[in-house]
Each structure stands twice: as C-alpha cells, then as structure tokens.
Amino acid sequence: MKYAPQPDWWFWWDDGARRFHRDDGTRIRHRIDYWAIPLLPEFRDIPGILSKDRQVQLKARKLLWRRLRHGYYDRHYDKHVPEPLPVWDNRGNRVAAPERIPLCRARCRDGHYCRARVVRNKFTGKLSSRCKWHGGHGTGPRTAEGKAASLAALARARAARSRRAG
C-alpha cells in the first residue's frame, strides 16, 4: 500500500534519524542498515561483498545479514577463521604456528555434534577423523579367527620385509 511521502516523519535512534517512508511514497518495512555491518576477513567468501557495484554489494550484504541472524558463522566458525598472523621471535626468525587439532564432529545421541578433539596415532603421528569415543582408532581383533588372521598377516609382512632387506 502506498502512502503519501511525509518527509517530516522520522524515527530518532541513537545513531540519528531514520525515515519512515521512502521518496517514492512506499513504506519502509524494516530498518536494517546493511552498510553498518563491519566487513571482517571471514566474510570474504560471500561473492560480491567487495564489489564496486553498489547493487551487487547490497545483495551480498543482505546475504551476510541472513547468515549473521541465523548463526551461520557460529556453527561454521572453524571454516571461516582467518589464518593467524605470523609470529616472530627476538632474532627475527619466524615461529611455526602450533597445529590445530580438528574436532570430531560426530553426531551424539542427543543430536548435537561432538566437540572432542580427534585422536592422533601414536606410531605414525597421523590424525584420525574421530575422537576416542566415536571410533578414533581400531582396538584390534577380538575373536580367535581375527587374531589368527592378524598374526598370519604380520608374519607375511615380516617375511616380505626381510626378503627386501636381505
């Protein structure tokens, strides 16, 4: 529904005056200032957020507002964390950043994602994809047949290794 433009109707907030009607007479439904959202480095994945075209950038900022409202960056925080700045010691040498151990992210019984860290293999040092409660590493064979098959495979591997070395 169109209203007659009344430029003397204003809403006064802390940040100044906001109009109740647009210049063409249509009513403003919501007063979200998309241009007031600060652009952080983790928002660069939105296409068009750094565009020179105002319409493209406005569309990207609306998508950013939806993501912020619905908690997208809270749920996918680890995907959008910017790279840490390099650390230098007193002699001017670059210090390697500590390796971040990822989360398990398996679904628990009550529906949320597991937030435990994944398990590291003691011998190879490789990271598993799950924590110790959600099947990080195998516990070995349990039955007699499985144990026999494992010992047979171990004997074959040792024989092949001794043939290669000798």
N, C-alpha and C. Protein backbone atom coordinates (compact mmCIF):
# COMPACT_ATOMS: atom_id res chain seq x y z
N MET A 1 0.85 -1.18 0.00
CA MET A 1 0.00 0.00 0.00
C MET A 1 0.89 1.24 0.00
N LYS A 2 0.51 2.19 -0.81
CA LYS A 2 1.32 3.40 -0.92
C LYS A 2 0.82 4.47 0.03
N TYR A 3 1.74 5.17 0.58
CA TYR A 3 1.43 6.29 1.45
C TYR A 3 1.98 7.56 0.81
N ALA A 4 1.38 8.66 1.14
CA ALA A 4 1.92 9.93 0.65
C ALA A 4 3.25 10.18 1.37
N PRO A 5 4.27 10.58 0.63
CA PRO A 5 5.56 10.81 1.29
C PRO A 5 5.46 11.97 2.29
N GLN A 6 5.85 11.69 3.48
CA GLN A 6 5.84 12.72 4.52
C GLN A 6 7.25 12.81 5.08
N PRO A 7 8.06 13.70 4.53
CA PRO A 7 9.47 13.72 4.94
C PRO A 7 9.69 14.22 6.36
N ASP A 8 8.63 14.72 7.01
CA ASP A 8 8.84 15.20 8.37
C ASP A 8 8.62 14.10 9.41
N TRP A 9 8.24 12.88 8.99
CA TRP A 9 8.12 11.79 9.94
C TRP A 9 9.46 11.09 10.06
N TRP A 10 10.04 11.09 11.21
CA TRP A 10 11.35 10.49 11.43
C TRP A 10 11.29 9.62 12.66
N PHE A 11 12.13 8.62 12.67
CA PHE A 11 12.36 7.85 13.89
C PHE A 11 13.72 8.25 14.41
N TRP A 12 13.80 8.58 15.64
CA TRP A 12 15.07 9.01 16.23
C TRP A 12 15.64 7.88 17.07
N TRP A 13 16.80 7.42 16.67
CA TRP A 13 17.51 6.39 17.42
C TRP A 13 18.83 6.99 17.87
N ASP A 14 19.66 6.16 18.48
CA ASP A 14 20.96 6.64 18.96
C ASP A 14 21.86 7.09 17.82
N ASP A 15 21.72 6.45 16.66
CA ASP A 15 22.62 6.78 15.56
C ASP A 15 22.06 7.84 14.62
N GLY A 16 20.96 8.47 14.97
CA GLY A 16 20.46 9.56 14.14
C GLY A 16 19.06 9.29 13.63
N ALA A 17 18.68 10.03 12.63
CA ALA A 17 17.31 9.99 12.11
C ALA A 17 17.18 8.90 11.05
N ARG A 18 16.02 8.22 11.08
CA ARG A 18 15.71 7.25 10.05
C ARG A 18 14.31 7.55 9.54
N ARG A 19 14.15 7.45 8.24
CA ARG A 19 12.88 7.84 7.65
C ARG A 19 11.86 6.73 7.75
N PHE A 20 10.60 7.09 7.80
CA PHE A 20 9.50 6.15 7.86
C PHE A 20 8.99 5.79 6.46
N HIS A 21 9.17 6.70 5.49
CA HIS A 21 8.76 6.47 4.11
C HIS A 21 9.92 6.74 3.18
N ARG A 22 9.90 6.03 2.05
CA ARG A 22 10.88 6.31 1.01
C ARG A 22 10.44 7.53 0.21
N ASP A 23 11.31 7.97 -0.69
CA ASP A 23 10.99 9.14 -1.51
C ASP A 23 9.84 8.88 -2.47
N ASP A 24 9.67 7.60 -2.90
CA ASP A 24 8.59 7.31 -3.84
C ASP A 24 7.25 7.10 -3.14
N GLY A 25 7.22 7.20 -1.81
CA GLY A 25 5.97 7.08 -1.08
C GLY A 25 5.72 5.72 -0.48
N THR A 26 6.53 4.71 -0.81
CA THR A 26 6.33 3.39 -0.22
C THR A 26 6.88 3.38 1.21
N ARG A 27 6.28 2.54 2.01
CA ARG A 27 6.65 2.49 3.42
C ARG A 27 7.87 1.59 3.63
N ILE A 28 8.72 1.97 4.54
CA ILE A 28 9.90 1.17 4.84
C ILE A 28 9.48 0.10 5.83
N ARG A 29 9.64 -1.18 5.46
CA ARG A 29 9.18 -2.27 6.31
C ARG A 29 10.12 -2.50 7.49
N HIS A 30 11.38 -2.58 7.22
CA HIS A 30 12.34 -2.81 8.30
C HIS A 30 13.47 -1.83 8.15
N ARG A 31 14.11 -1.55 9.24
CA ARG A 31 15.16 -0.55 9.25
C ARG A 31 16.50 -1.19 9.56
N ILE A 32 16.92 -2.12 8.71
CA ILE A 32 18.22 -2.75 8.86
C ILE A 32 19.21 -1.97 8.02
N ASP A 33 20.23 -1.49 8.64
CA ASP A 33 21.27 -0.75 7.91
C ASP A 33 22.35 -1.75 7.51
N TYR A 34 22.25 -2.25 6.28
CA TYR A 34 23.20 -3.26 5.82
C TYR A 34 24.61 -2.68 5.70
N TRP A 35 24.71 -1.39 5.52
CA TRP A 35 26.01 -0.75 5.33
C TRP A 35 26.74 -0.55 6.64
N ALA A 36 26.03 -0.75 7.78
CA ALA A 36 26.67 -0.58 9.08
C ALA A 36 27.36 -1.85 9.58
N ILE A 37 27.16 -2.98 8.87
CA ILE A 37 27.79 -4.23 9.29
C ILE A 37 29.27 -4.15 8.96
N PRO A 38 30.16 -4.32 9.94
CA PRO A 38 31.60 -4.27 9.62
C PRO A 38 32.02 -5.50 8.82
N LEU A 39 32.86 -5.28 7.83
CA LEU A 39 33.34 -6.38 7.00
C LEU A 39 34.58 -6.98 7.64
N LEU A 40 34.46 -8.22 8.09
CA LEU A 40 35.57 -8.92 8.71
C LEU A 40 36.23 -9.83 7.67
N PRO A 41 37.47 -10.26 7.91
CA PRO A 41 38.14 -11.12 6.92
C PRO A 41 37.41 -12.42 6.64
N GLU A 42 36.65 -12.97 7.61
CA GLU A 42 35.97 -14.23 7.36
C GLU A 42 34.73 -14.08 6.48
N PHE A 43 34.32 -12.85 6.16
CA PHE A 43 33.16 -12.65 5.30
C PHE A 43 33.55 -12.56 3.83
N ARG A 44 34.81 -12.74 3.49
CA ARG A 44 35.25 -12.58 2.10
C ARG A 44 34.78 -13.70 1.20
N ASP A 45 34.26 -14.80 1.78
CA ASP A 45 33.80 -15.90 0.92
C ASP A 45 32.45 -15.59 0.27
N ILE A 46 31.77 -14.55 0.70
CA ILE A 46 30.49 -14.18 0.09
C ILE A 46 30.77 -13.51 -1.25
N PRO A 47 30.23 -14.05 -2.33
CA PRO A 47 30.52 -13.44 -3.64
C PRO A 47 29.92 -12.05 -3.75
N GLY A 48 30.73 -11.10 -4.16
CA GLY A 48 30.28 -9.73 -4.39
C GLY A 48 30.36 -8.83 -3.17
N ILE A 49 30.90 -9.31 -2.06
CA ILE A 49 30.93 -8.48 -0.86
C ILE A 49 31.92 -7.33 -1.01
N LEU A 50 32.94 -7.49 -1.84
CA LEU A 50 33.92 -6.43 -2.06
C LEU A 50 33.76 -5.80 -3.45
N SER A 51 32.58 -5.94 -4.04
CA SER A 51 32.35 -5.41 -5.38
C SER A 51 32.28 -3.88 -5.37
N LYS A 52 32.58 -3.29 -6.51
CA LYS A 52 32.46 -1.83 -6.66
C LYS A 52 31.02 -1.42 -6.95
N ASP A 53 30.23 -2.35 -7.50
CA ASP A 53 28.84 -2.07 -7.84
C ASP A 53 28.01 -2.08 -6.55
N ARG A 54 27.27 -1.00 -6.30
CA ARG A 54 26.52 -0.87 -5.06
C ARG A 54 25.38 -1.89 -4.95
N GLN A 55 24.73 -2.21 -6.07
CA GLN A 55 23.63 -3.17 -6.03
C GLN A 55 24.14 -4.58 -5.72
N VAL A 56 25.27 -4.95 -6.33
CA VAL A 56 25.86 -6.27 -6.07
C VAL A 56 26.30 -6.35 -4.61
N GLN A 57 26.92 -5.29 -4.13
CA GLN A 57 27.38 -5.29 -2.75
C GLN A 57 26.21 -5.30 -1.77
N LEU A 58 25.11 -4.61 -2.10
CA LEU A 58 23.94 -4.63 -1.23
C LEU A 58 23.34 -6.03 -1.15
N LYS A 59 23.29 -6.73 -2.29
CA LYS A 59 22.78 -8.10 -2.28
C LYS A 59 23.67 -9.01 -1.44
N ALA A 60 24.98 -8.82 -1.53
CA ALA A 60 25.91 -9.62 -0.73
C ALA A 60 25.78 -9.29 0.75
N ARG A 61 25.55 -8.03 1.06
CA ARG A 61 25.39 -7.64 2.46
C ARG A 61 24.08 -8.17 3.04
N LYS A 62 23.05 -8.30 2.22
CA LYS A 62 21.81 -8.91 2.69
C LYS A 62 22.01 -10.38 3.01
N LEU A 63 22.79 -11.08 2.16
CA LEU A 63 23.12 -12.47 2.46
C LEU A 63 23.94 -12.56 3.75
N LEU A 64 24.85 -11.63 3.94
CA LEU A 64 25.65 -11.60 5.17
C LEU A 64 24.74 -11.39 6.38
N TRP A 65 23.77 -10.50 6.27
CA TRP A 65 22.85 -10.26 7.37
C TRP A 65 22.05 -11.52 7.71
N ARG A 66 21.60 -12.26 6.69
CA ARG A 66 20.87 -13.51 6.94
C ARG A 66 21.76 -14.52 7.64
N ARG A 67 23.02 -14.61 7.18
CA ARG A 67 23.94 -15.56 7.82
C ARG A 67 24.19 -15.19 9.28
N LEU A 68 24.35 -13.91 9.54
CA LEU A 68 24.60 -13.48 10.92
C LEU A 68 23.37 -13.72 11.79
N ARG A 69 22.19 -13.47 11.24
CA ARG A 69 20.96 -13.63 12.01
C ARG A 69 20.70 -15.07 12.38
N HIS A 70 21.00 -15.98 11.46
CA HIS A 70 20.70 -17.39 11.69
C HIS A 70 21.85 -18.15 12.30
N GLY A 71 22.95 -17.47 12.65
CA GLY A 71 24.04 -18.13 13.35
C GLY A 71 24.93 -18.98 12.49
N TYR A 72 25.03 -18.66 11.18
CA TYR A 72 25.85 -19.47 10.28
C TYR A 72 27.31 -19.44 10.70
N TYR A 73 27.82 -18.27 11.05
CA TYR A 73 29.23 -18.15 11.39
C TYR A 73 29.52 -18.70 12.78
N ASP A 74 28.50 -18.87 13.62
CA ASP A 74 28.71 -19.54 14.90
C ASP A 74 28.83 -21.05 14.71
N ARG A 75 28.02 -21.61 13.81
CA ARG A 75 28.08 -23.05 13.58
C ARG A 75 29.30 -23.45 12.77
N HIS A 76 29.70 -22.61 11.80
CA HIS A 76 30.82 -22.94 10.92
C HIS A 76 32.02 -22.07 11.23
N TYR A 77 32.27 -21.87 12.50
CA TYR A 77 33.34 -20.95 12.90
C TYR A 77 34.70 -21.43 12.41
N ASP A 78 34.97 -22.73 12.55
CA ASP A 78 36.30 -23.22 12.22
C ASP A 78 36.58 -23.14 10.72
N LYS A 79 35.54 -23.09 9.88
CA LYS A 79 35.73 -22.97 8.44
C LYS A 79 36.11 -21.55 8.03
N HIS A 80 35.68 -20.56 8.81
CA HIS A 80 35.86 -19.17 8.41
C HIS A 80 36.87 -18.42 9.26
N VAL A 81 37.61 -19.14 10.09
CA VAL A 81 38.62 -18.45 10.91
C VAL A 81 39.76 -18.01 10.00
N PRO A 82 40.13 -16.74 10.03
CA PRO A 82 41.24 -16.31 9.17
C PRO A 82 42.55 -16.90 9.64
N GLU A 83 43.51 -16.97 8.73
CA GLU A 83 44.82 -17.50 9.07
C GLU A 83 45.47 -16.62 10.13
N PRO A 84 46.10 -17.24 11.13
CA PRO A 84 46.74 -16.41 12.16
C PRO A 84 47.94 -15.65 11.61
N LEU A 85 48.20 -14.50 12.19
CA LEU A 85 49.33 -13.70 11.76
C LEU A 85 50.63 -14.40 12.13
N PRO A 86 51.68 -14.25 11.33
CA PRO A 86 52.93 -14.92 11.66
C PRO A 86 53.55 -14.36 12.93
N VAL A 87 54.20 -15.25 13.68
CA VAL A 87 54.84 -14.87 14.94
C VAL A 87 56.34 -14.91 14.72
N TRP A 88 57.02 -13.89 15.22
CA TRP A 88 58.47 -13.79 15.05
C TRP A 88 59.12 -13.77 16.43
N ASP A 89 60.27 -14.42 16.56
CA ASP A 89 60.99 -14.38 17.83
C ASP A 89 61.91 -13.16 17.87
N ASN A 90 62.72 -13.05 18.93
CA ASN A 90 63.57 -11.87 19.11
C ASN A 90 64.67 -11.76 18.06
N ARG A 91 65.06 -12.86 17.47
CA ARG A 91 66.14 -12.84 16.47
C ARG A 91 65.62 -12.63 15.05
N GLY A 92 64.32 -12.49 14.89
CA GLY A 92 63.76 -12.26 13.56
C GLY A 92 63.40 -13.52 12.83
N ASN A 93 63.42 -14.66 13.50
CA ASN A 93 63.04 -15.92 12.86
C ASN A 93 61.54 -16.14 13.03
N ARG A 94 60.95 -16.71 12.01
CA ARG A 94 59.51 -16.97 12.06
C ARG A 94 59.25 -18.21 12.90
N VAL A 95 58.33 -18.10 13.83
CA VAL A 95 57.97 -19.22 14.70
C VAL A 95 56.79 -19.94 14.07
N ALA A 96 56.89 -21.25 13.97
CA ALA A 96 55.81 -22.03 13.37
C ALA A 96 54.60 -22.03 14.29
N ALA A 97 53.43 -21.85 13.71
CA ALA A 97 52.18 -21.85 14.49
C ALA A 97 51.89 -23.28 14.94
N PRO A 98 51.37 -23.47 16.13
CA PRO A 98 51.04 -24.83 16.57
C PRO A 98 49.91 -25.41 15.73
N GLU A 99 49.99 -26.71 15.48
CA GLU A 99 48.99 -27.36 14.63
C GLU A 99 47.66 -27.42 15.36
N ARG A 100 46.61 -27.02 14.67
CA ARG A 100 45.28 -27.08 15.27
C ARG A 100 44.72 -28.48 15.08
N ILE A 101 44.34 -29.13 16.17
CA ILE A 101 43.75 -30.45 16.08
C ILE A 101 42.25 -30.27 15.86
N PRO A 102 41.69 -30.84 14.78
CA PRO A 102 40.28 -30.60 14.48
C PRO A 102 39.34 -31.31 15.45
N LEU A 103 38.09 -30.93 15.38
CA LEU A 103 37.06 -31.53 16.22
C LEU A 103 36.53 -32.80 15.59
N CYS A 104 35.93 -33.65 16.41
CA CYS A 104 35.39 -34.92 15.95
C CYS A 104 34.17 -34.71 15.05
N ARG A 105 33.21 -33.91 15.49
CA ARG A 105 32.01 -33.54 14.75
C ARG A 105 31.09 -34.73 14.44
N ALA A 106 31.19 -35.83 15.19
CA ALA A 106 30.23 -36.93 15.04
C ALA A 106 28.93 -36.53 15.73
N ARG A 107 27.83 -37.09 15.28
CA ARG A 107 26.54 -36.79 15.91
C ARG A 107 26.41 -37.62 17.18
N CYS A 108 26.10 -36.94 18.28
CA CYS A 108 25.89 -37.64 19.54
C CYS A 108 24.44 -38.12 19.61
N ARG A 109 24.12 -38.86 20.66
CA ARG A 109 22.76 -39.42 20.77
C ARG A 109 21.70 -38.36 20.94
N ASP A 110 22.03 -37.26 21.59
CA ASP A 110 21.02 -36.21 21.77
C ASP A 110 20.98 -35.22 20.62
N GLY A 111 21.77 -35.47 19.55
CA GLY A 111 21.64 -34.67 18.33
C GLY A 111 22.73 -33.66 18.09
N HIS A 112 23.47 -33.24 19.12
CA HIS A 112 24.49 -32.22 18.88
C HIS A 112 25.76 -32.86 18.34
N TYR A 113 26.66 -32.03 17.83
CA TYR A 113 27.92 -32.51 17.30
C TYR A 113 28.93 -32.68 18.43
N CYS A 114 29.74 -33.72 18.35
CA CYS A 114 30.77 -33.95 19.36
C CYS A 114 31.86 -32.90 19.20
N ARG A 115 32.30 -32.31 20.31
CA ARG A 115 33.29 -31.25 20.27
C ARG A 115 34.64 -31.70 20.81
N ALA A 116 34.83 -33.02 20.95
CA ALA A 116 36.12 -33.55 21.40
C ALA A 116 37.13 -33.50 20.24
N ARG A 117 38.40 -33.47 20.58
CA ARG A 117 39.45 -33.44 19.55
C ARG A 117 39.67 -34.85 19.00
N VAL A 118 40.10 -34.93 17.75
CA VAL A 118 40.33 -36.24 17.14
C VAL A 118 41.59 -36.86 17.73
N VAL A 119 41.72 -38.17 17.51
CA VAL A 119 42.81 -38.93 18.09
C VAL A 119 44.01 -38.93 17.14
N ARG A 120 45.22 -38.85 17.71
CA ARG A 120 46.45 -38.94 16.93
C ARG A 120 47.04 -40.34 17.10
N ASN A 121 47.46 -40.95 16.00
CA ASN A 121 48.08 -42.26 16.04
C ASN A 121 49.45 -42.17 16.71
N LYS A 122 49.73 -43.04 17.67
CA LYS A 122 50.99 -42.97 18.41
C LYS A 122 52.19 -43.28 17.53
N PHE A 123 52.01 -44.16 16.55
CA PHE A 123 53.16 -44.64 15.77
C PHE A 123 53.40 -43.80 14.53
N THR A 124 52.34 -43.48 13.79
CA THR A 124 52.52 -42.73 12.55
C THR A 124 52.39 -41.23 12.75
N GLY A 125 51.71 -40.81 13.82
CA GLY A 125 51.50 -39.38 14.05
C GLY A 125 50.38 -38.78 13.25
N LYS A 126 49.67 -39.59 12.45
CA LYS A 126 48.58 -39.07 11.62
C LYS A 126 47.32 -38.89 12.47
N LEU A 127 46.52 -37.90 12.10
CA LEU A 127 45.27 -37.64 12.80
C LEU A 127 44.16 -38.52 12.25
N SER A 128 43.34 -39.03 13.13
CA SER A 128 42.16 -39.77 12.72
C SER A 128 41.07 -38.76 12.37
N SER A 129 39.89 -39.24 12.00
CA SER A 129 38.79 -38.32 11.73
C SER A 129 37.80 -38.27 12.88
N ARG A 130 37.98 -39.12 13.92
CA ARG A 130 37.05 -39.17 15.03
C ARG A 130 37.80 -39.19 16.36
N CYS A 131 37.06 -38.92 17.43
CA CYS A 131 37.65 -38.91 18.76
C CYS A 131 37.71 -40.33 19.32
N LYS A 132 38.19 -40.45 20.56
CA LYS A 132 38.34 -41.79 21.13
C LYS A 132 37.00 -42.43 21.47
N TRP A 133 35.94 -41.64 21.60
CA TRP A 133 34.63 -42.20 21.91
C TRP A 133 33.84 -42.56 20.65
N HIS A 134 34.19 -41.99 19.51
CA HIS A 134 33.44 -42.24 18.28
C HIS A 134 34.27 -43.00 17.25
N GLY A 135 35.14 -43.87 17.70
CA GLY A 135 35.86 -44.74 16.77
C GLY A 135 37.09 -44.11 16.19
N GLY A 136 37.94 -43.54 17.03
CA GLY A 136 39.15 -42.90 16.53
C GLY A 136 40.10 -43.88 15.91
N HIS A 137 40.49 -44.90 16.62
CA HIS A 137 41.39 -45.92 16.10
C HIS A 137 40.85 -47.28 16.48
N GLY A 138 41.20 -48.29 15.68
CA GLY A 138 40.75 -49.65 15.95
C GLY A 138 41.40 -50.21 17.20
N THR A 139 40.71 -51.16 17.84
CA THR A 139 41.24 -51.79 19.05
C THR A 139 41.85 -53.14 18.74
N GLY A 140 41.90 -53.52 17.48
CA GLY A 140 42.47 -54.81 17.14
C GLY A 140 41.42 -55.90 17.08
N PRO A 141 41.82 -57.09 16.65
CA PRO A 141 40.86 -58.19 16.52
C PRO A 141 40.41 -58.70 17.89
N ARG A 142 39.15 -59.15 17.97
CA ARG A 142 38.58 -59.64 19.23
C ARG A 142 38.38 -61.15 19.22
N THR A 143 38.02 -61.71 18.06
CA THR A 143 37.73 -63.15 18.01
C THR A 143 39.02 -63.92 17.74
N ALA A 144 38.94 -65.22 17.93
CA ALA A 144 40.10 -66.09 17.70
C ALA A 144 40.47 -66.10 16.21
N GLU A 145 39.46 -66.16 15.32
CA GLU A 145 39.75 -66.15 13.88
C GLU A 145 40.43 -64.86 13.46
N GLY A 146 39.94 -63.73 14.02
CA GLY A 146 40.54 -62.44 13.68
C GLY A 146 41.96 -62.33 14.17
N LYS A 147 42.22 -62.84 15.36
CA LYS A 147 43.59 -62.81 15.89
C LYS A 147 44.52 -63.68 15.06
N ALA A 148 44.04 -64.83 14.63
CA ALA A 148 44.86 -65.71 13.80
C ALA A 148 45.16 -65.06 12.45
N ALA A 149 44.16 -64.43 11.85
CA ALA A 149 44.37 -63.76 10.57
C ALA A 149 45.35 -62.59 10.73
N SER A 150 45.26 -61.87 11.84
CA SER A 150 46.17 -60.76 12.07
C SER A 150 47.61 -61.25 12.23
N LEU A 151 47.80 -62.33 12.98
CA LEU A 151 49.15 -62.88 13.15
C LEU A 151 49.71 -63.40 11.84
N ALA A 152 48.84 -64.02 11.00
CA ALA A 152 49.30 -64.51 9.69
C ALA A 152 49.74 -63.34 8.80
N ALA A 153 48.97 -62.25 8.82
CA ALA A 153 49.34 -61.07 8.02
C ALA A 153 50.64 -60.46 8.53
N LEU A 154 50.83 -60.46 9.85
CA LEU A 154 52.06 -59.93 10.43
C LEU A 154 53.25 -60.77 10.01
N ALA A 155 53.08 -62.10 10.00
CA ALA A 155 54.17 -62.99 9.59
C ALA A 155 54.51 -62.76 8.12
N ARG A 156 53.48 -62.59 7.26
CA ARG A 156 53.74 -62.33 5.84
C ARG A 156 54.49 -61.02 5.64
N ALA A 157 54.09 -59.99 6.39
CA ALA A 157 54.74 -58.67 6.26
C ALA A 157 56.19 -58.74 6.71
N ARG A 158 56.45 -59.45 7.81
CA ARG A 158 57.83 -59.56 8.28
C ARG A 158 58.68 -60.33 7.31
N ALA A 159 58.12 -61.39 6.70
CA ALA A 159 58.86 -62.17 5.71
C ALA A 159 59.18 -61.33 4.49
N ALA A 160 58.21 -60.54 4.04
CA ALA A 160 58.45 -59.69 2.86
C ALA A 160 59.50 -58.63 3.17
N ARG A 161 59.48 -58.08 4.37
CA ARG A 161 60.44 -57.06 4.77
C ARG A 161 61.85 -57.66 4.85
N SER A 162 61.96 -58.87 5.36
CA SER A 162 63.29 -59.49 5.45
C SER A 162 63.82 -59.86 4.07
N ARG A 163 62.92 -60.23 3.12
CA ARG A 163 63.38 -60.52 1.76
C ARG A 163 63.89 -59.26 1.08
N ARG A 164 63.18 -58.12 1.31
CA ARG A 164 63.62 -56.84 0.71
C ARG A 164 64.94 -56.38 1.29
N ALA A 165 65.13 -56.55 2.58
CA ALA A 165 66.34 -56.06 3.24
C ALA A 165 67.53 -56.97 2.93
N GLY A 166 67.26 -58.25 2.73
CA GLY A 166 68.37 -59.21 2.60
C GLY A 166 68.80 -59.46 1.23
